[in-house]
Amino acid sequence: MPPKGKGSKPPPRSQYFVAIRDQKIDTLRWCLRHGGVSSRTEDDAGHTGLQMAAAGGLTEAMELLIENILKVGTKDELDEPDEDGRTPLMMAAYNGKLGAVKMLVQKGQAPLGTKCDAGKTAMDYAVARKHDKIVAFLKNPKAEAPPSPEESEDEEEKQKGRVFRASMKLTNAGNEQENVHKRKVEAADALQAALSEAPVPVWEEVKAVLKETRRELSLRGKQPLPEVVVDPATWNCVCLHELRIEMGASFTSLSPRLVNLNALTTLIVSNNALRSLPDCFGALTRLRNLEAAHNAIEALPESLASVSGLQVVDFSHNKLSSASVLAGLTELVSVKLGSNALTALPEWAWESLEHLGTLAAPNNLLTVAPPGLGCLQMLVSLDLCDNKIAQIPMELGALSPKKLQAVRLVGNPLADPRIRRFVETDAPTLVKDLLNHVAKNGFQGDEAAGKGKKGKGKGKAKAEKPPSDDEDGPEGSIAEMLAALNASGSDSGEEPEPLPAAAPAAGKKKKGKK
């Protein structure tokens, strides 16, 4: 049945070729049975459905088309040529579609010796394009032929083996399911036991977590307790995924018992008076979001380097002179380090920061904008304002103006007067102009690059590689493949005969086979 939907539907001929391209087998079957199309129907470029499917390696559609041709058509249709005498087998061989070649030869029994108008066979096309697997197959197609009746007994034994292995797999899956359930029950029992060991909670919010196994706890604006400040039962809430503590100047120290909360994914301890963080983050392996802004932290704990899945960090408005422990984290999405005393950004392997969208380090003592910033192709916002940066590296021009929305550099002693004009208002509309200017006129010196000067060129183009023997479908659009086939010409250096791909199908006469 064709796809259901409101509004007018495209004619069956259009549905037919779309179904081949997208390998929508039900729609393709409907078009052949009830849509008034046949295997000889051509598209606007004059190609039949089988030619189109063979050129793109669309083996699922090919299987149905070959089955239909052998049922209601003639065997000659499997070898139907285009205007230049090229058969579906030649098209598949040219484009390196090994699966399509095998299907045409083994299922459809397409002849191997047919020549196009240029005098080439499918083998010639495969040799010219260096599709070695196809060449080997066409030389000896019987080597991969279906098993003969004499081999059926062996196939029966193999089938029995497959059935046995499948039954064992089901049995193992059942056992594994039981084990999973058992582990879940054990984990739930262990969680309840851990919660029951907590001291009597003082704060109602902590009581609710322990009683109802809540996943979030917010201690915002709470009045501190005498001596301990924070309710001691907080550190027994091992079920927590998110913990927020914002208690102002009274909260000066985060307990090392934080290590108990190893299910945490979010920890927010901003707007306090913390002077340090406990060095226990190695146990918080699930932590993804860490915010500790507006404190008095002077150094980050070394154990942060082992939280490999950390995605969001906010240490702005502290007293940090270094953030080097973040250098090994590659999953970062947002990094905020503003209003500290940093003299350099962490020495990241910039190309590994594939997800970084926000980098903010304003109001620091940075003197260099690293050239590696140009590797951050997912960067949306860059804020380095109010530092001591004089030069902007030309690598920054490699960033995408479609992705990058804001670049803040105001408040730096920028040497290039034009860059100063670009950034003085932080207008997003100037980002594209800024990147274009930096790509051509940015700083190339040793101080910015660290690797000597670089030229402005893009480097040599990569050598073109011949297409691979691909069984998984087209490498580009089928129209491109057919156009490339048309442009191939002969091996003798003769002028290639043009394929009128854009010519209308109506009124065309098809050449016969040679």
Protein backbone atom coordinates (compact mmCIF):
# COMPACT_ATOMS: atom_id res chain seq x y z
CA MET A 1 0.00 0.00 0.00
CA PRO A 2 1.24 3.51 -0.70
CA PRO A 3 1.88 5.73 2.32
CA LYS A 4 -1.26 7.06 3.99
CA GLY A 5 -1.70 10.76 4.58
CA LYS A 6 -3.81 13.80 3.97
CA GLY A 7 -3.69 15.83 0.77
CA SER A 8 -2.92 14.82 -2.78
CA LYS A 9 -0.46 11.98 -3.34
CA PRO A 10 2.28 11.97 -5.98
CA PRO A 11 1.56 9.86 -9.06
CA PRO A 12 2.51 6.18 -8.88
CA ARG A 13 5.48 6.73 -11.23
CA SER A 14 7.01 9.24 -8.82
CA GLN A 15 6.25 6.98 -5.83
CA TYR A 16 7.89 4.09 -7.69
CA PHE A 17 11.30 5.78 -8.08
CA VAL A 18 11.21 7.29 -4.59
CA ALA A 19 10.43 3.82 -3.18
CA ILE A 20 13.46 2.40 -5.02
CA ARG A 21 15.74 5.17 -3.79
CA ASP A 22 14.56 4.82 -0.15
CA GLN A 23 14.12 1.01 -0.40
CA LYS A 24 10.49 1.19 0.76
CA ILE A 25 9.63 -2.33 -0.27
CA ASP A 26 5.87 -2.23 0.52
CA THR A 27 5.38 0.92 -1.56
CA LEU A 28 7.51 -0.54 -4.37
CA ARG A 29 5.46 -3.75 -4.38
CA TRP A 30 2.19 -1.73 -4.52
CA CYS A 31 3.46 0.36 -7.45
CA LEU A 32 4.33 -2.76 -9.46
CA ARG A 33 1.05 -4.52 -8.69
CA HIS A 34 -1.51 -1.73 -8.65
CA GLY A 35 0.17 1.53 -9.69
CA GLY A 36 0.37 0.90 -13.42
CA VAL A 37 4.19 0.94 -13.56
CA SER A 38 6.42 -1.83 -14.83
CA SER A 39 10.07 -2.74 -14.72
CA ARG A 40 10.51 -0.88 -18.04
CA THR A 41 9.22 2.43 -16.65
CA GLU A 42 11.87 5.16 -16.92
CA ASP A 43 12.60 8.21 -14.78
CA ASP A 44 13.08 11.69 -16.24
CA ALA A 45 16.71 10.90 -17.05
CA GLY A 46 15.74 7.80 -19.02
CA HIS A 47 16.84 5.15 -16.51
CA THR A 48 14.79 2.12 -15.50
CA GLY A 49 14.20 1.19 -11.89
CA LEU A 50 16.69 -1.68 -12.06
CA GLN A 51 19.39 0.55 -13.58
CA MET A 52 18.85 3.09 -10.80
CA ALA A 53 18.92 0.43 -8.05
CA ALA A 54 22.00 -1.30 -9.49
CA ALA A 55 23.94 1.96 -9.82
CA GLY A 56 23.25 2.75 -6.15
CA GLY A 57 23.74 -0.76 -4.79
CA LEU A 58 20.15 -0.81 -3.47
CA THR A 59 20.01 -4.58 -3.08
CA GLU A 60 16.68 -4.79 -1.21
CA ALA A 61 14.88 -2.94 -4.02
CA MET A 62 16.85 -4.93 -6.61
CA GLU A 63 15.70 -8.25 -5.15
CA LEU A 64 12.03 -7.30 -5.59
CA LEU A 65 12.61 -5.85 -9.08
CA ILE A 66 14.46 -8.98 -10.28
CA GLU A 67 11.76 -11.20 -8.78
CA ASN A 68 9.09 -9.16 -10.61
CA ILE A 69 10.98 -9.28 -13.93
CA LEU A 70 11.45 -13.05 -13.78
CA LYS A 71 7.77 -13.47 -12.88
CA VAL A 72 5.91 -11.15 -15.26
CA GLY A 73 8.57 -9.85 -17.67
CA THR A 74 11.30 -11.31 -19.82
CA LYS A 75 14.84 -12.19 -18.86
CA ASP A 76 16.15 -9.63 -21.36
CA GLU A 77 14.93 -6.84 -19.07
CA LEU A 78 17.70 -7.75 -16.61
CA ASP A 79 20.15 -6.65 -19.29
CA GLU A 80 18.15 -3.59 -20.42
CA PRO A 81 20.70 -0.92 -21.57
CA ASP A 82 20.53 2.85 -21.31
CA GLU A 83 21.03 5.15 -24.31
CA ASP A 84 24.74 4.37 -24.39
CA GLY A 85 24.25 0.64 -24.18
CA ARG A 86 25.22 0.33 -20.50
CA THR A 87 23.41 -2.40 -18.60
CA PRO A 88 22.54 -2.51 -14.88
CA LEU A 89 25.49 -4.88 -14.38
CA MET A 90 27.89 -2.36 -15.93
CA MET A 91 26.53 0.43 -13.73
CA ALA A 92 26.92 -1.65 -10.55
CA ALA A 93 30.44 -2.69 -11.58
CA TYR A 94 31.45 0.91 -12.33
CA ASN A 95 30.25 2.17 -8.93
CA GLY A 96 31.82 -0.69 -6.96
CA LYS A 97 28.52 -2.19 -5.76
CA LEU A 98 29.62 -5.77 -5.15
CA GLY A 99 26.31 -6.90 -3.63
CA ALA A 100 24.41 -5.62 -6.68
CA VAL A 101 26.85 -7.32 -9.07
CA LYS A 102 26.48 -10.66 -7.26
CA MET A 103 22.69 -10.42 -7.27
CA LEU A 104 22.48 -9.65 -11.00
CA VAL A 105 24.84 -12.50 -11.90
CA GLN A 106 23.66 -15.18 -9.45
CA LYS A 107 19.94 -14.44 -9.13
CA GLY A 108 19.22 -12.76 -12.44
CA GLN A 109 21.87 -14.62 -14.45
CA ALA A 110 22.79 -11.38 -16.26
CA PRO A 111 25.24 -12.12 -19.13
CA LEU A 112 28.84 -11.07 -18.52
CA GLY A 113 29.92 -10.57 -22.13
CA THR A 114 27.49 -7.79 -23.10
CA LYS A 115 29.28 -4.67 -24.40
CA CYS A 116 28.18 -1.03 -24.28
CA ASP A 117 28.41 1.38 -27.23
CA ALA A 118 32.02 2.12 -26.22
CA GLY A 119 32.85 -1.58 -26.49
CA LYS A 120 33.24 -2.15 -22.74
CA THR A 121 31.98 -5.05 -20.64
CA ALA A 122 31.13 -4.96 -16.91
CA MET A 123 34.57 -6.47 -16.28
CA ASP A 124 36.22 -3.60 -18.20
CA TYR A 125 34.43 -1.04 -16.03
CA ALA A 126 35.44 -2.82 -12.83
CA VAL A 127 39.09 -3.08 -13.94
CA ALA A 128 39.24 0.60 -14.95
CA ARG A 129 37.86 1.68 -11.58
CA LYS A 130 40.14 -0.74 -9.63
CA HIS A 131 37.29 -2.60 -7.93
CA ASP A 132 39.38 -5.69 -7.25
CA LYS A 133 36.69 -7.65 -5.42
CA ILE A 134 34.27 -7.25 -8.30
CA VAL A 135 36.96 -8.21 -10.82
CA ALA A 136 37.72 -11.37 -8.83
CA PHE A 137 34.04 -12.27 -8.64
CA LEU A 138 33.38 -11.69 -12.36
CA LYS A 139 36.36 -13.88 -13.24
CA ASN A 140 34.88 -16.82 -11.31
CA PRO A 141 31.24 -16.16 -10.29
CA LYS A 142 30.61 -19.88 -9.72
CA ALA A 143 32.98 -19.82 -6.76
CA GLU A 144 30.29 -18.04 -4.77
CA ALA A 145 27.28 -19.74 -6.35
CA PRO A 146 24.43 -21.04 -4.13
CA PRO A 147 25.01 -24.56 -2.68
CA SER A 148 24.12 -27.52 -4.89
CA PRO A 149 21.51 -30.14 -3.86
CA GLU A 150 24.33 -32.47 -2.82
CA GLU A 151 25.33 -29.96 -0.17
CA SER A 152 21.83 -29.72 1.31
CA GLU A 153 22.56 -32.29 4.04
CA ASP A 154 25.50 -30.22 5.29
CA GLU A 155 23.27 -27.15 5.22
CA GLU A 156 20.70 -29.06 7.29
CA GLU A 157 23.33 -29.78 9.92
CA LYS A 158 24.38 -26.15 9.92
CA GLN A 159 20.77 -25.10 10.38
CA LYS A 160 20.43 -27.44 13.35
CA GLY A 161 23.53 -25.90 14.83
CA ARG A 162 22.10 -22.43 14.35
CA VAL A 163 18.84 -23.46 16.03
CA PHE A 164 20.76 -24.92 18.96
CA ARG A 165 22.87 -21.80 19.37
CA ALA A 166 19.74 -19.62 19.19
CA SER A 167 18.04 -21.70 21.91
CA MET A 168 21.13 -21.44 24.12
CA LYS A 169 21.17 -17.71 23.55
CA LEU A 170 17.54 -17.46 24.69
CA THR A 171 18.33 -19.55 27.76
CA ASN A 172 21.32 -17.37 28.61
CA ALA A 173 19.23 -14.24 28.07
CA GLY A 174 16.65 -15.57 30.52
CA ASN A 175 19.35 -16.28 33.08
CA GLU A 176 20.86 -12.85 32.57
CA GLN A 177 17.44 -11.26 33.06
CA GLU A 178 17.10 -13.11 36.35
CA ASN A 179 20.57 -11.94 37.38
CA VAL A 180 19.72 -8.34 36.50
CA HIS A 181 16.56 -8.52 38.58
CA LYS A 182 18.51 -10.06 41.45
CA ARG A 183 21.13 -7.30 41.29
CA LYS A 184 18.40 -4.63 41.31
CA VAL A 185 16.79 -6.16 44.40
CA GLU A 186 20.16 -6.38 46.14
CA ALA A 187 20.95 -2.74 45.25
CA ALA A 188 17.57 -1.59 46.58
CA ASP A 189 18.14 -3.50 49.84
CA ALA A 190 21.62 -2.02 50.19
CA LEU A 191 20.25 1.48 49.59
CA GLN A 192 17.60 1.09 52.28
CA ALA A 193 20.20 -0.27 54.70
CA ALA A 194 22.48 2.72 54.04
CA LEU A 195 19.62 5.19 54.52
CA SER A 196 18.56 3.50 57.76
CA GLU A 197 22.07 3.99 59.20
CA ALA A 198 21.78 7.78 58.94
CA PRO A 199 21.73 9.80 62.16
CA VAL A 200 18.42 11.38 63.09
CA PRO A 201 17.96 14.26 60.62
CA VAL A 202 17.35 17.79 61.84
CA TRP A 203 16.13 19.54 58.72
CA GLU A 204 12.76 18.62 57.19
CA GLU A 205 14.25 18.53 53.67
CA VAL A 206 16.74 15.86 54.74
CA LYS A 207 14.03 13.88 56.53
CA ALA A 208 11.98 13.78 53.33
CA VAL A 209 14.94 12.47 51.32
CA LEU A 210 15.65 9.64 53.76
CA LYS A 211 12.00 8.70 54.16
CA GLU A 212 10.90 8.89 50.50
CA THR A 213 14.24 8.11 48.78
CA ARG A 214 14.13 11.42 46.93
CA ARG A 215 16.74 12.13 44.26
CA GLU A 216 17.10 15.90 44.75
CA LEU A 217 17.94 18.00 47.79
CA SER A 218 18.16 21.79 47.92
CA LEU A 219 19.59 23.52 51.01
CA ARG A 220 19.28 27.04 49.76
CA GLY A 221 19.13 29.80 52.34
CA LYS A 222 19.10 27.39 55.29
CA GLN A 223 20.17 28.72 58.67
CA PRO A 224 23.36 26.99 59.84
CA LEU A 225 23.33 24.57 62.75
CA PRO A 226 25.60 25.20 65.74
CA GLU A 227 29.09 23.72 65.28
CA VAL A 228 28.35 21.45 62.25
CA VAL A 229 26.58 24.06 60.04
CA VAL A 230 25.05 21.39 57.77
CA ASP A 231 22.72 18.63 59.00
CA PRO A 232 25.04 15.58 59.41
CA ALA A 233 22.36 13.29 58.00
CA THR A 234 22.83 15.03 54.64
CA TRP A 235 25.93 12.93 53.96
CA ASN A 236 23.91 9.70 54.38
CA CYS A 237 21.48 10.61 51.60
CA VAL A 238 23.18 8.16 49.24
CA CYS A 239 20.15 8.11 46.94
CA LEU A 240 20.74 11.71 45.81
CA HIS A 241 21.38 12.58 42.18
CA GLU A 242 21.38 16.35 42.73
CA LEU A 243 22.59 18.30 45.76
CA ARG A 244 22.46 22.09 46.07
CA ILE A 245 23.94 23.90 49.09
CA GLU A 246 23.78 27.71 49.06
CA MET A 247 24.04 29.03 52.60
CA GLY A 248 26.19 32.14 52.19
CA ALA A 249 29.06 33.21 54.43
CA SER A 250 28.31 30.62 57.11
CA PHE A 251 29.23 27.71 54.86
CA THR A 252 33.04 27.67 54.70
CA SER A 253 33.92 23.98 54.38
CA LEU A 254 32.48 21.09 52.36
CA SER A 255 32.65 17.83 54.33
CA PRO A 256 34.87 14.97 53.03
CA ARG A 257 31.84 12.75 53.73
CA LEU A 258 30.67 13.98 50.34
CA VAL A 259 32.42 10.81 49.13
CA ASN A 260 29.38 8.79 50.33
CA LEU A 261 27.14 10.43 47.72
CA ASN A 262 28.55 8.46 44.79
CA ALA A 263 25.28 8.60 42.84
CA LEU A 264 25.51 12.38 42.40
CA THR A 265 25.27 13.74 38.87
CA THR A 266 24.91 17.40 39.90
CA LEU A 267 26.64 19.22 42.75
CA ILE A 268 26.01 22.95 43.23
CA VAL A 269 27.82 24.75 46.05
CA SER A 270 27.80 28.29 44.68
CA ASN A 271 27.33 31.51 46.68
CA ASN A 272 29.09 30.33 49.83
CA ALA A 273 32.42 31.10 51.47
CA LEU A 274 34.26 27.88 50.61
CA ARG A 275 38.03 28.19 50.68
CA SER A 276 38.65 24.75 49.21
CA LEU A 277 36.94 21.58 47.95
CA PRO A 278 37.59 18.12 49.46
CA ASP A 279 39.86 15.88 47.41
CA CYS A 280 37.34 13.04 47.12
CA PHE A 281 35.93 13.58 43.63
CA GLY A 282 37.52 10.40 42.35
CA ALA A 283 34.61 8.49 43.95
CA LEU A 284 31.97 10.66 42.26
CA THR A 285 32.26 8.91 38.91
CA ARG A 286 28.74 9.85 37.78
CA LEU A 287 29.22 13.57 38.33
CA ARG A 288 28.36 15.62 35.24
CA ASN A 289 27.67 19.11 36.60
CA LEU A 290 29.85 20.89 39.18
CA GLU A 291 29.14 24.52 40.09
CA ALA A 292 31.13 26.30 42.79
CA ALA A 293 30.94 29.94 41.70
CA HIS A 294 31.16 32.91 44.07
CA ASN A 295 33.32 31.34 46.75
CA ALA A 296 36.92 31.92 47.87
CA ILE A 297 38.50 28.75 46.44
CA GLU A 298 42.24 29.11 45.83
CA ALA A 299 43.02 25.73 44.25
CA LEU A 300 41.09 22.87 42.65
CA PRO A 301 41.52 19.33 44.03
CA GLU A 302 43.65 16.96 41.96
CA SER A 303 40.93 14.28 42.08
CA LEU A 304 38.80 16.37 39.70
CA ALA A 305 41.03 15.15 36.89
CA SER A 306 39.60 11.62 37.29
CA VAL A 307 35.95 12.64 36.81
CA SER A 308 36.14 11.87 33.10
CA GLY A 309 32.43 12.40 32.39
CA LEU A 310 32.30 15.95 33.77
CA GLN A 311 30.43 18.19 31.32
CA VAL A 312 29.66 21.49 33.09
CA VAL A 313 32.03 23.32 35.44
CA ASP A 314 31.58 26.79 36.90
CA PHE A 315 34.39 28.15 39.11
CA SER A 316 33.86 31.81 38.31
CA HIS A 317 34.37 34.46 41.02
CA ASN A 318 36.94 32.59 43.11
CA LYS A 319 40.67 33.05 43.76
CA LEU A 320 42.10 30.47 41.38
CA SER A 321 45.56 31.01 39.91
CA SER A 322 45.44 27.75 37.94
CA ALA A 323 42.82 25.41 36.49
CA SER A 324 45.29 22.88 35.07
CA VAL A 325 43.48 19.88 36.63
CA LEU A 326 40.76 20.35 33.99
CA ALA A 327 43.21 19.72 31.13
CA GLY A 328 42.44 16.00 30.86
CA LEU A 329 38.64 16.34 30.73
CA THR A 330 37.35 15.82 27.18
CA GLU A 331 33.58 15.68 27.65
CA LEU A 332 33.24 19.31 28.71
CA VAL A 333 30.29 21.25 27.30
CA SER A 334 30.50 24.44 29.36
CA VAL A 335 33.51 25.92 31.22
CA LYS A 336 33.23 29.13 33.25
CA LEU A 337 36.38 30.46 34.93
CA GLY A 338 35.72 34.18 35.01
CA SER A 339 36.90 36.61 37.72
CA ASN A 340 39.85 34.62 39.04
CA ALA A 341 43.62 35.16 38.82
CA LEU A 342 44.39 32.79 35.93
CA THR A 343 47.44 33.56 33.81
CA ALA A 344 46.71 30.78 31.31
CA LEU A 345 43.90 28.48 30.28
CA PRO A 346 44.28 24.73 30.95
CA GLU A 347 46.55 23.01 28.42
CA TRP A 348 43.77 21.04 26.77
CA ALA A 349 44.27 18.87 23.72
CA TRP A 350 41.91 21.25 21.98
CA GLU A 351 40.92 18.91 19.17
CA SER A 352 39.56 16.47 21.79
CA LEU A 353 37.00 19.00 23.11
CA GLU A 354 34.41 17.98 20.55
CA HIS A 355 31.41 19.12 22.61
CA LEU A 356 32.58 22.40 24.15
CA GLY A 357 29.97 25.08 23.47
CA THR A 358 30.76 27.72 26.12
CA LEU A 359 34.17 28.94 27.23
CA ALA A 360 34.21 31.95 29.55
CA ALA A 361 37.29 33.28 31.33
CA PRO A 362 36.80 37.06 31.61
CA ASN A 363 38.46 39.21 34.26
CA ASN A 364 41.64 37.19 34.60
CA LEU A 365 45.32 37.75 33.79
CA LEU A 366 45.45 35.86 30.48
CA THR A 367 48.07 37.13 28.04
CA VAL A 368 47.54 34.61 25.22
CA ALA A 369 44.51 33.38 23.30
CA PRO A 370 45.57 29.80 22.44
CA PRO A 371 45.58 28.87 18.71
CA GLY A 372 43.80 25.65 19.73
CA LEU A 373 40.58 27.67 20.08
CA GLY A 374 40.22 27.21 16.33
CA CYS A 375 39.57 23.49 16.89
CA LEU A 376 36.35 24.11 18.86
CA GLN A 377 33.86 23.62 16.06
CA MET A 378 30.90 23.35 18.47
CA LEU A 379 31.74 26.63 20.21
CA VAL A 380 28.74 28.94 20.62
CA SER A 381 30.09 31.51 23.07
CA LEU A 382 33.66 32.70 23.75
CA ASP A 383 34.30 35.28 26.48
CA LEU A 384 37.88 36.43 27.14
CA CYS A 385 37.15 40.07 27.88
CA ASP A 386 39.09 42.13 30.45
CA ASN A 387 42.35 40.20 30.24
CA LYS A 388 45.80 41.16 28.92
CA ILE A 389 45.55 39.62 25.45
CA ALA A 390 47.29 41.60 22.70
CA GLN A 391 47.18 39.20 19.74
CA ILE A 392 44.39 37.03 18.30
CA PRO A 393 45.72 33.92 16.50
CA MET A 394 44.67 33.41 12.90
CA GLU A 395 43.51 29.86 13.82
CA LEU A 396 40.49 31.46 15.48
CA GLY A 397 39.22 32.19 11.98
CA ALA A 398 38.58 28.45 11.50
CA LEU A 399 35.55 28.62 13.82
CA SER A 400 32.11 28.36 12.24
CA PRO A 401 30.16 31.65 12.07
CA LYS A 402 26.97 29.59 11.82
CA LYS A 403 27.64 28.03 15.21
CA LEU A 404 29.51 30.81 17.04
CA GLN A 405 27.06 33.43 18.34
CA ALA A 406 29.17 35.60 20.65
CA VAL A 407 32.84 36.59 20.90
CA ARG A 408 33.72 38.93 23.77
CA LEU A 409 37.22 40.40 23.69
CA VAL A 410 36.58 43.94 24.88
CA GLY A 411 38.85 45.21 27.65
CA ASN A 412 42.03 43.64 26.21
CA PRO A 413 45.03 45.61 24.85
CA LEU A 414 44.43 44.28 21.32
CA ALA A 415 47.16 45.29 18.87
CA ASP A 416 44.98 45.12 15.74
CA PRO A 417 42.81 48.27 15.59
CA ARG A 418 40.29 46.61 13.33
CA ILE A 419 39.72 43.78 15.80
CA ARG A 420 39.23 46.43 18.48
CA ARG A 421 36.45 47.96 16.38
CA PHE A 422 34.84 44.58 15.81
CA VAL A 423 34.64 43.73 19.51
CA GLU A 424 33.96 47.07 21.14
CA THR A 425 30.17 46.51 21.11
CA ASP A 426 30.14 42.66 21.28
CA ALA A 427 27.53 42.74 18.50
CA PRO A 428 26.71 39.17 17.32
CA THR A 429 26.30 40.48 13.77
CA LEU A 430 30.04 41.22 13.66
CA VAL A 431 31.16 37.66 14.50
CA LYS A 432 31.36 36.59 10.87
CA ASP A 433 33.35 39.72 9.89
CA LEU A 434 35.68 39.19 12.85
CA LEU A 435 36.37 35.56 11.92
CA ASN A 436 36.98 36.46 8.27
CA HIS A 437 39.43 39.20 9.27
CA VAL A 438 41.27 36.98 11.76
CA ALA A 439 41.55 34.13 9.23
CA LYS A 440 43.42 36.49 6.88
CA ASN A 441 45.19 38.87 9.24
CA GLY A 442 45.38 37.07 12.58
CA PHE A 443 48.60 36.67 14.51
CA GLN A 444 50.93 33.93 13.23
CA GLY A 445 53.85 34.42 15.59
CA ASP A 446 55.55 31.85 17.76
CA GLU A 447 53.94 33.24 20.91
CA ALA A 448 50.42 32.51 19.68
CA ALA A 449 51.04 29.34 17.78
CA GLY A 450 53.82 27.76 19.77
CA LYS A 451 54.77 25.92 16.60
CA GLY A 452 56.29 28.58 14.40
CA LYS A 453 54.57 30.55 11.68
CA LYS A 454 51.84 29.10 9.56
CA GLY A 455 50.89 30.12 6.07
CA LYS A 456 47.46 31.33 5.13
CA GLY A 457 46.79 28.50 2.72
CA LYS A 458 44.51 25.60 3.49
CA GLY A 459 47.10 22.94 2.66
CA LYS A 460 47.24 20.51 -0.17
CA ALA A 461 44.10 18.78 -1.20
CA LYS A 462 43.90 15.12 -0.37
CA ALA A 463 44.59 12.75 -3.22
CA GLU A 464 41.43 11.39 -4.73
CA LYS A 465 40.85 7.77 -3.80
CA PRO A 466 38.98 5.33 -6.02
CA PRO A 467 35.60 4.37 -4.61
CA SER A 468 35.50 1.22 -2.50
CA ASP A 469 33.53 -1.95 -3.18
CA ASP A 470 30.53 -0.87 -1.11
CA GLU A 471 27.72 -3.28 -0.40
CA ASP A 472 25.78 -0.96 1.90
CA GLY A 473 24.23 1.38 -0.62
CA PRO A 474 25.18 4.55 -2.53
CA GLU A 475 28.14 6.71 -1.52
CA GLY A 476 26.39 9.83 -2.82
CA SER A 477 23.22 10.46 -4.74
CA ILE A 478 22.46 7.98 -7.50
CA ALA A 479 22.22 10.86 -9.95
CA GLU A 480 25.87 11.73 -9.16
CA MET A 481 26.93 8.12 -9.69
CA LEU A 482 25.20 7.90 -13.06
CA ALA A 483 26.69 11.26 -14.06
CA ALA A 484 30.17 10.04 -13.08
CA LEU A 485 29.63 6.87 -15.11
CA ASN A 486 28.68 8.98 -18.11
CA ALA A 487 31.81 11.12 -17.73
CA SER A 488 34.14 8.12 -17.50
CA GLY A 489 34.69 7.76 -21.25
CA SER A 490 36.90 5.06 -22.68
CA ASP A 491 40.34 3.92 -21.56
CA SER A 492 41.85 4.94 -24.90
CA GLY A 493 41.46 8.63 -24.14
CA GLU A 494 38.51 9.11 -26.50
CA GLU A 495 36.05 11.88 -25.78
CA PRO A 496 33.32 10.44 -23.48
CA GLU A 497 29.85 10.20 -24.91
CA PRO A 498 27.55 12.48 -22.86
CA LEU A 499 24.61 10.98 -20.99
CA PRO A 500 21.64 13.39 -21.42
CA ALA A 501 20.66 13.01 -17.74
CA ALA A 502 18.53 16.14 -17.74
CA ALA A 503 16.71 15.34 -20.99
CA PRO A 504 12.98 14.52 -20.67
CA ALA A 505 12.03 10.86 -20.90
CA ALA A 506 9.27 11.42 -23.43
CA GLY A 507 10.13 11.09 -27.09
CA LYS A 508 13.42 9.25 -26.51
CA LYS A 509 14.36 6.12 -28.41
CA LYS A 510 16.31 3.40 -26.66
CA LYS A 511 19.27 1.85 -28.38
CA GLY A 512 19.34 -1.88 -28.77
CA LYS A 513 21.93 -4.21 -27.32
CA LYS A 514 25.13 -4.98 -29.01
